[in-house]
Protein backbone atom coordinates (compact mmCIF):
# COMPACT_ATOMS: atom_id res chain seq x y z
CA UNK A 1 0.00 0.00 0.00
CA UNK A 2 1.23 3.48 -0.90
CA UNK A 3 1.08 5.17 2.53
CA UNK A 4 2.11 8.61 1.28
CA UNK A 5 -0.63 8.61 -1.33
CA UNK A 6 -3.18 7.48 1.25
CA UNK A 7 -2.19 10.16 3.76
CA UNK A 8 -2.19 12.80 1.06
CA UNK A 9 -5.80 11.89 0.23
CA UNK A 10 -6.82 11.75 3.89
CA UNK A 11 -5.49 15.28 4.43
CA UNK A 12 -8.70 16.41 2.73
CA UNK A 13 -10.87 14.80 5.41
CA UNK A 14 -11.65 16.36 8.77
CA UNK A 15 -13.44 14.47 11.55
CA UNK A 16 -14.55 16.21 14.73
CA UNK A 17 -15.96 14.56 17.86
CA UNK A 18 -19.33 15.80 19.10
CA UNK A 19 -20.49 15.14 22.69
CA UNK A 20 -23.15 12.41 22.79
CA UNK A 21 -23.50 12.32 19.00
CA UNK A 22 -21.86 10.95 15.86
CA UNK A 23 -18.78 12.74 14.60
CA UNK A 24 -18.99 15.69 12.23
CA UNK A 25 -17.25 15.07 8.91
CA UNK A 26 -15.89 17.39 6.25
CA UNK A 27 -14.92 15.37 3.18
CA UNK A 28 -13.06 17.24 0.44
CA UNK A 29 -11.93 14.05 -1.31
CA UNK A 30 -13.39 11.63 -3.83
CA UNK A 31 -13.62 8.89 -1.20
CA UNK A 32 -17.13 7.71 -0.37
CA UNK A 33 -18.10 7.65 3.28
CA UNK A 34 -19.53 4.25 4.20
CA UNK A 35 -20.71 5.24 7.67
CA UNK A 36 -19.86 7.09 10.86
CA UNK A 37 -20.23 6.77 14.62
CA UNK A 38 -19.16 8.35 17.90
CA UNK A 39 -15.42 7.80 17.37
CA UNK A 40 -14.91 8.19 13.63
CA UNK A 41 -16.03 7.81 10.03
CA UNK A 42 -15.29 4.99 7.58
CA UNK A 43 -14.43 5.60 3.93
CA UNK A 44 -14.25 3.24 0.95
CA UNK A 45 -10.66 3.18 -0.36
CA UNK A 46 -10.42 0.13 -2.65
CA UNK A 47 -12.61 -2.89 -3.26
CA UNK A 48 -10.96 -4.65 -0.32
CA UNK A 49 -9.77 -1.80 1.90
CA UNK A 50 -11.56 0.85 3.92
CA UNK A 51 -10.11 3.64 6.05
CA UNK A 52 -11.48 4.69 9.41
CA UNK A 53 -10.67 8.30 10.28
CA UNK A 54 -10.94 9.27 13.95
CA UNK A 55 -11.74 12.48 15.75
CA UNK A 56 -8.90 12.05 18.26
CA UNK A 57 -5.71 10.04 18.67
CA UNK A 58 -6.90 8.23 21.80
CA UNK A 59 -9.79 6.51 20.00
CA UNK A 60 -7.50 5.63 17.10
CA UNK A 61 -4.90 4.06 19.41
CA UNK A 62 -7.58 2.19 21.29
CA UNK A 63 -9.13 0.60 18.21
CA UNK A 64 -5.73 -0.21 16.72
CA UNK A 65 -4.70 -1.96 19.93
CA UNK A 66 -7.94 -3.97 19.99
CA UNK A 67 -7.51 -4.96 16.35
CA UNK A 68 -3.86 -5.89 16.86
CA UNK A 69 -4.77 -8.33 19.65
CA UNK A 70 -6.91 -10.30 17.22
CA UNK A 71 -4.76 -10.27 14.08
CA UNK A 72 -3.81 -13.91 14.65
CA UNK A 73 -7.48 -14.91 14.64
CA UNK A 74 -9.89 -15.00 11.72
CA UNK A 75 -12.49 -12.90 13.52
CA UNK A 76 -11.23 -9.35 12.93
CA UNK A 77 -10.46 -7.20 9.90
CA UNK A 78 -6.86 -7.32 8.73
CA UNK A 79 -4.98 -4.07 9.39
CA UNK A 80 -2.90 -2.64 6.53
CA UNK A 81 -1.75 0.73 7.83
CA UNK A 82 -2.12 3.13 10.73
CA UNK A 83 -1.56 6.84 11.23
CA UNK A 84 -2.24 9.22 14.09
CA UNK A 85 -5.88 9.56 13.16
CA UNK A 86 -6.61 6.70 10.78
CA UNK A 87 -6.54 2.94 10.35
CA UNK A 88 -6.61 1.27 6.94
CA UNK A 89 -8.19 -2.16 7.23
CA UNK A 90 -9.96 -4.94 5.41
CA UNK A 91 -13.53 -4.27 4.33
CA UNK A 92 -15.83 -6.76 6.05
CA UNK A 93 -18.45 -8.12 3.69
CA UNK A 94 -21.22 -10.62 4.23
CA UNK A 95 -24.48 -10.33 6.19
CA UNK A 96 -24.68 -9.03 9.73
CA UNK A 97 -26.32 -11.27 12.30
CA UNK A 98 -29.26 -8.90 12.73
CA UNK A 99 -30.23 -9.16 9.05
CA UNK A 100 -29.46 -12.87 8.91
CA UNK A 101 -31.81 -13.75 11.77
CA UNK A 102 -34.68 -11.90 10.13
CA UNK A 103 -34.96 -14.70 7.58
CA UNK A 104 -32.91 -17.59 8.97
CA UNK A 105 -33.10 -19.59 12.23
CA UNK A 106 -30.53 -19.52 15.01
CA UNK A 107 -29.14 -23.03 14.75
CA UNK A 108 -27.01 -24.85 17.28
CA UNK A 109 -24.12 -24.70 14.81
CA UNK A 110 -24.32 -20.91 14.64
CA UNK A 111 -24.60 -20.66 18.42
CA UNK A 112 -21.47 -22.81 18.72
CA UNK A 113 -19.60 -20.33 16.50
CA UNK A 114 -20.80 -17.43 18.64
CA UNK A 115 -19.64 -19.21 21.80
CA UNK A 116 -16.26 -19.90 20.20
CA UNK A 117 -16.02 -16.22 19.22
CA UNK A 118 -16.65 -15.12 22.82
CA UNK A 119 -14.10 -17.59 24.18
CA UNK A 120 -11.52 -16.43 21.63
CA UNK A 121 -12.02 -12.79 22.57
CA UNK A 122 -11.46 -13.65 26.21
CA UNK A 123 -8.28 -15.56 25.35
CA UNK A 124 -6.72 -12.73 23.34
CA UNK A 125 -7.21 -10.28 26.20
CA UNK A 126 -10.42 -8.37 25.57
CA UNK A 127 -11.86 -6.96 28.79
CA UNK A 128 -15.30 -6.72 27.21
CA UNK A 129 -16.24 -9.68 25.04
CA UNK A 130 -19.71 -8.35 24.32
CA UNK A 131 -20.98 -7.28 20.89
CA UNK A 132 -24.31 -6.31 19.41
CA UNK A 133 -25.58 -8.67 16.72
CA UNK A 134 -25.27 -5.92 14.08
CA UNK A 135 -21.48 -5.90 14.63
CA UNK A 136 -21.14 -9.61 13.83
CA UNK A 137 -20.99 -10.61 10.15
CA UNK A 138 -21.51 -14.04 8.63
CA UNK A 139 -19.23 -14.80 5.69
CA UNK A 140 -20.01 -16.93 2.65
CA UNK A 141 -18.04 -19.84 4.12
CA UNK A 142 -20.03 -19.66 7.37
CA UNK A 143 -17.27 -18.04 9.43
CA UNK A 144 -17.74 -14.92 11.55
CA UNK A 145 -16.17 -11.46 11.38
CA UNK A 146 -16.58 -8.68 13.94
CA UNK A 147 -16.30 -4.91 13.50
CA UNK A 148 -16.09 -1.95 15.92
CA UNK A 149 -13.98 -3.59 18.62
CA UNK A 150 -12.48 -0.44 20.18
CA UNK A 151 -14.61 -0.66 23.32
CA UNK A 152 -13.39 -4.17 24.10
CA UNK A 153 -10.12 -2.88 25.63
CA UNK A 154 -8.96 -0.36 28.23
CA UNK A 155 -12.13 -0.98 30.20
CA UNK A 156 -12.01 -1.03 33.99
CA UNK A 157 -15.65 -2.03 34.49
CA UNK A 158 -17.68 -4.25 32.20
CA UNK A 159 -20.60 -6.63 32.27
CA UNK A 160 -18.85 -9.98 32.88
CA UNK A 161 -21.12 -11.86 30.47
CA UNK A 162 -22.25 -11.14 26.87
CA UNK A 163 -25.23 -9.06 27.95
CA UNK A 164 -25.46 -6.90 24.83
CA UNK A 165 -25.32 -9.86 22.45
CA UNK A 166 -27.88 -11.87 24.41
CA UNK A 167 -30.34 -8.98 24.72
CA UNK A 168 -29.88 -7.90 21.09
CA UNK A 169 -31.08 -11.33 19.96
CA UNK A 170 -34.61 -10.55 21.13
CA UNK A 171 -36.73 -12.57 23.54
CA UNK A 172 -37.25 -15.61 21.30
CA UNK A 173 -33.69 -16.05 20.08
CA UNK A 174 -32.30 -15.15 23.50
CA UNK A 175 -33.95 -18.25 24.95
CA UNK A 176 -32.83 -20.35 21.97
CA UNK A 177 -29.24 -19.18 22.29
CA UNK A 178 -29.11 -19.79 26.04
CA UNK A 179 -30.56 -23.27 25.56
CA UNK A 180 -27.79 -23.97 23.04
CA UNK A 181 -25.16 -22.67 25.48
CA UNK A 182 -26.58 -24.89 28.21
CA UNK A 183 -26.36 -27.93 25.93
CA UNK A 184 -22.94 -27.16 24.45
CA UNK A 185 -21.17 -25.70 27.49
CA UNK A 186 -23.03 -26.25 30.79
CA UNK A 187 -20.29 -24.63 32.91
CA UNK A 188 -20.32 -21.48 30.80
CA UNK A 189 -24.10 -21.39 30.99
CA UNK A 190 -24.02 -21.58 34.79
CA UNK A 191 -21.44 -18.79 34.95
CA UNK A 192 -23.61 -16.53 32.78
CA UNK A 193 -26.71 -17.36 34.80
CA UNK A 194 -24.83 -16.42 37.96
CA UNK A 195 -23.96 -13.01 36.54
CA UNK A 196 -27.51 -12.51 35.24
CA UNK A 197 -28.80 -13.17 38.77
CA UNK A 198 -26.20 -10.76 40.13
CA UNK A 199 -27.44 -8.07 37.76
CA UNK A 200 -31.06 -8.59 38.75
CA UNK A 201 -30.15 -8.40 42.43
CA UNK A 202 -28.00 -5.33 41.81
CA UNK A 203 -30.96 -3.53 40.25
CA UNK A 204 -33.15 -4.60 43.16
CA UNK A 205 -30.60 -3.23 45.63
CA UNK A 206 -30.41 0.03 43.68
CA UNK A 207 -34.19 0.47 43.90
CA UNK A 208 -34.08 -0.10 47.65
CA UNK A 209 -31.26 2.40 48.11
CA UNK A 210 -32.99 5.01 45.97
CA UNK A 211 -36.56 4.72 47.22
CA UNK A 212 -36.29 3.67 50.83
CA UNK A 213 -34.28 4.24 53.95
CA UNK A 214 -31.58 1.69 54.54
CA UNK A 215 -33.11 -1.66 55.42
CA UNK A 216 -30.12 -3.60 56.70
CA UNK A 217 -31.90 -6.93 56.98
CA UNK A 218 -33.22 -6.81 53.41
CA UNK A 219 -29.89 -5.68 51.99
CA UNK A 220 -28.02 -8.34 53.95
CA UNK A 221 -30.34 -11.04 52.66
CA UNK A 222 -29.93 -9.87 49.05
CA UNK A 223 -26.16 -9.57 49.42
CA UNK A 224 -25.86 -13.08 50.83
CA UNK A 225 -27.52 -14.41 47.69
CA UNK A 226 -24.81 -12.71 45.65
CA UNK A 227 -22.11 -14.51 47.62
CA UNK A 228 -23.32 -18.05 46.93
CA UNK A 229 -20.52 -18.94 44.50
CA UNK A 230 -17.79 -21.57 44.51
CA UNK A 231 -14.95 -19.06 44.60
CA UNK A 232 -15.97 -15.85 46.34
CA UNK A 233 -12.67 -14.05 45.80
CA UNK A 234 -12.79 -14.76 42.05
CA UNK A 235 -16.06 -12.87 41.70
CA UNK A 236 -15.41 -9.90 44.00
CA UNK A 237 -14.00 -7.57 41.35
CA UNK A 238 -16.50 -8.72 38.74
CA UNK A 239 -19.37 -8.12 41.15
CA UNK A 240 -17.96 -4.66 41.96
CA UNK A 241 -17.85 -3.85 38.25
CA UNK A 242 -21.33 -5.21 37.66
CA UNK A 243 -22.75 -3.19 40.55
CA UNK A 244 -21.04 -0.09 39.19
CA UNK A 245 -22.43 -0.60 35.68
CA UNK A 246 -25.96 -1.16 36.96
CA UNK A 247 -25.80 1.75 39.40
CA UNK A 248 -24.46 4.16 36.79
CA UNK A 249 -26.99 3.04 34.18
CA UNK A 250 -29.93 3.36 36.57
CA UNK A 251 -28.66 6.65 37.99
CA UNK A 252 -28.50 8.21 34.53
CA UNK A 253 -32.12 7.15 33.95
CA UNK A 254 -33.08 8.66 37.30
CA UNK A 255 -31.31 11.96 36.57
CA UNK A 256 -32.88 12.25 33.13
CA UNK A 257 -36.32 11.57 34.60
CA UNK A 258 -35.73 14.37 37.10
CA UNK A 259 -34.56 16.74 34.39
CA UNK A 260 -31.03 16.88 35.80
CA UNK A 261 -27.79 16.74 33.82
CA UNK A 262 -26.30 13.31 34.73
CA UNK A 263 -22.78 14.52 33.87
CA UNK A 264 -22.82 16.60 37.04
CA UNK A 265 -22.67 13.50 39.24
CA UNK A 266 -20.71 11.09 37.02
CA UNK A 267 -17.31 12.18 38.30
CA UNK A 268 -18.35 11.66 41.93
CA UNK A 269 -19.65 8.18 41.08
CA UNK A 270 -16.35 7.29 39.39
CA UNK A 271 -14.36 8.61 42.35
CA UNK A 272 -16.45 6.53 44.75
CA UNK A 273 -15.89 3.31 42.82
CA UNK A 274 -12.18 4.04 42.41
CA UNK A 275 -11.96 4.21 46.21
CA UNK A 276 -13.78 0.87 46.38
CA UNK A 277 -11.21 -0.65 44.02
CA UNK A 278 -8.36 0.74 46.12
CA UNK A 279 -9.95 -0.81 49.20
CA UNK A 280 -10.08 -4.19 47.46
CA UNK A 281 -6.44 -3.92 46.41
CA UNK A 282 -5.49 -3.12 50.01
CA UNK A 283 -7.29 -6.22 51.29
CA UNK A 284 -5.92 -8.42 48.49
CA UNK A 285 -2.32 -7.28 47.89
CA UNK A 286 -0.70 -7.56 44.48
CA UNK A 287 1.42 -10.50 45.60
CA UNK A 288 -1.75 -12.56 46.01
CA UNK A 289 -2.75 -11.91 42.41
CA UNK A 290 -1.12 -13.57 39.43
CA UNK A 291 1.54 -11.82 37.39
CA UNK A 292 -0.68 -12.27 34.35
CA UNK A 293 -3.46 -10.21 35.90
CA UNK A 294 -0.98 -7.57 37.04
CA UNK A 295 0.48 -7.24 33.54
CA UNK A 296 -2.99 -7.13 32.02
CA UNK A 297 -4.08 -4.35 34.37
CA UNK A 298 -1.04 -2.20 33.66
CA UNK A 299 -1.48 -2.71 29.93
CA UNK A 300 -5.15 -1.81 30.14
CA UNK A 301 -4.41 1.69 31.35
CA UNK A 302 -1.41 2.32 29.13
CA UNK A 303 -2.00 5.69 27.54
CA UNK A 304 -5.38 6.15 29.21
CA UNK A 305 -5.50 7.01 32.89
CA UNK A 306 -8.35 7.94 35.18
CA UNK A 307 -7.20 11.56 34.90
CA UNK A 308 -7.59 11.25 31.12
CA UNK A 309 -11.17 10.07 31.58
CA UNK A 310 -11.89 13.09 33.76
CA UNK A 311 -10.39 15.34 31.07
CA UNK A 312 -12.53 13.66 28.43
CA UNK A 313 -15.67 14.29 30.46
CA UNK A 314 -14.57 17.88 31.07
CA UNK A 315 -13.98 18.54 27.38
CA UNK A 316 -17.18 16.78 26.38
CA UNK A 317 -19.15 19.35 28.33
CA UNK A 318 -17.43 22.04 26.27
CA UNK A 319 -18.78 25.54 26.36
CA UNK A 320 -21.71 24.60 28.60
CA UNK A 321 -19.45 24.69 31.67
CA UNK A 322 -18.07 28.08 30.68
CA UNK A 323 -21.55 29.43 30.10
CA UNK A 324 -22.70 28.21 33.52
CA UNK A 325 -19.69 29.78 35.25
CA UNK A 326 -20.13 33.09 33.40
CA UNK A 327 -23.84 33.12 34.20
CA UNK A 328 -23.13 32.45 37.88
CA UNK A 329 -20.49 35.20 37.94
CA UNK A 330 -22.91 37.72 36.45
CA UNK A 331 -25.59 36.78 38.99
CA UNK A 332 -23.09 37.22 41.84
CA UNK A 333 -22.12 40.68 40.54
CA UNK A 334 -25.76 41.77 40.39
CA UNK A 335 -26.39 40.47 43.89
CA UNK A 336 -23.32 42.35 45.15
CA UNK A 337 -24.52 45.63 43.60
CA UNK A 338 -27.83 45.31 45.38
């Protein structure tokens, strides 16, 4: 591939991130835009190659890292080139799982391939193995390909089971898929069911905390149900992450229902859960954890710290924060004059 020619063409494309919306794109080239999302826009380059142009370097690095982890598998697009704000990769053809299931049944063979995909993603180091069915493509030979994998890495809290995939299948196919998992891999099925129960209990606990005064007996009873596992220590961090995800998700819904900007409280929620993680690390020192997990954790945050996340949230609010501060300052001046 002629990198200089590619970069010369891409100099005519500008991609800007927009808070809580798809990127804004200015395309002064002859390349056709295939689609766009929150992180970037994808352009058709050749019959076999597309180029994803990002709004910032962080998102580009993140997706490149995720793609690089899976280059030895057959599940991800092949990467041909990378720049500061772009990745040139294989165009994924075929039919996405969402379209496929509109006319074809979910067979046990297909479910087996989905299970194998999830296991492979866990093996190569993805923190989040979950994907929506529209991101999974069936090829002519029956194999699977997956797109948009950036959010699988550098994640400190995730749902520890394929929640998005399962729910995206719809009620009917969800039950079919889980029945296939139970038949093909009973241990995996039990693990998922455990996390599904944890999520349900987490939501129940959230409702109690939000709507009622602390009922210690009820909370204790619910919490004890969460601890009925073979290896309690193994699930502590995963349960913490699951509780965080549920709490944050439900809290955003609550804030929106009250007409409040949820961004105002997000930083405090993150700070609280970071303290919880530090407490866990104090109780279970690094020497008790495997070197593999230690290396994985340090790699996860490489180039993306908690401070960076706070900066991202700060920048995402943009001029709204400045406007609020200026408005408050003007009100204070008027009050002082009086």
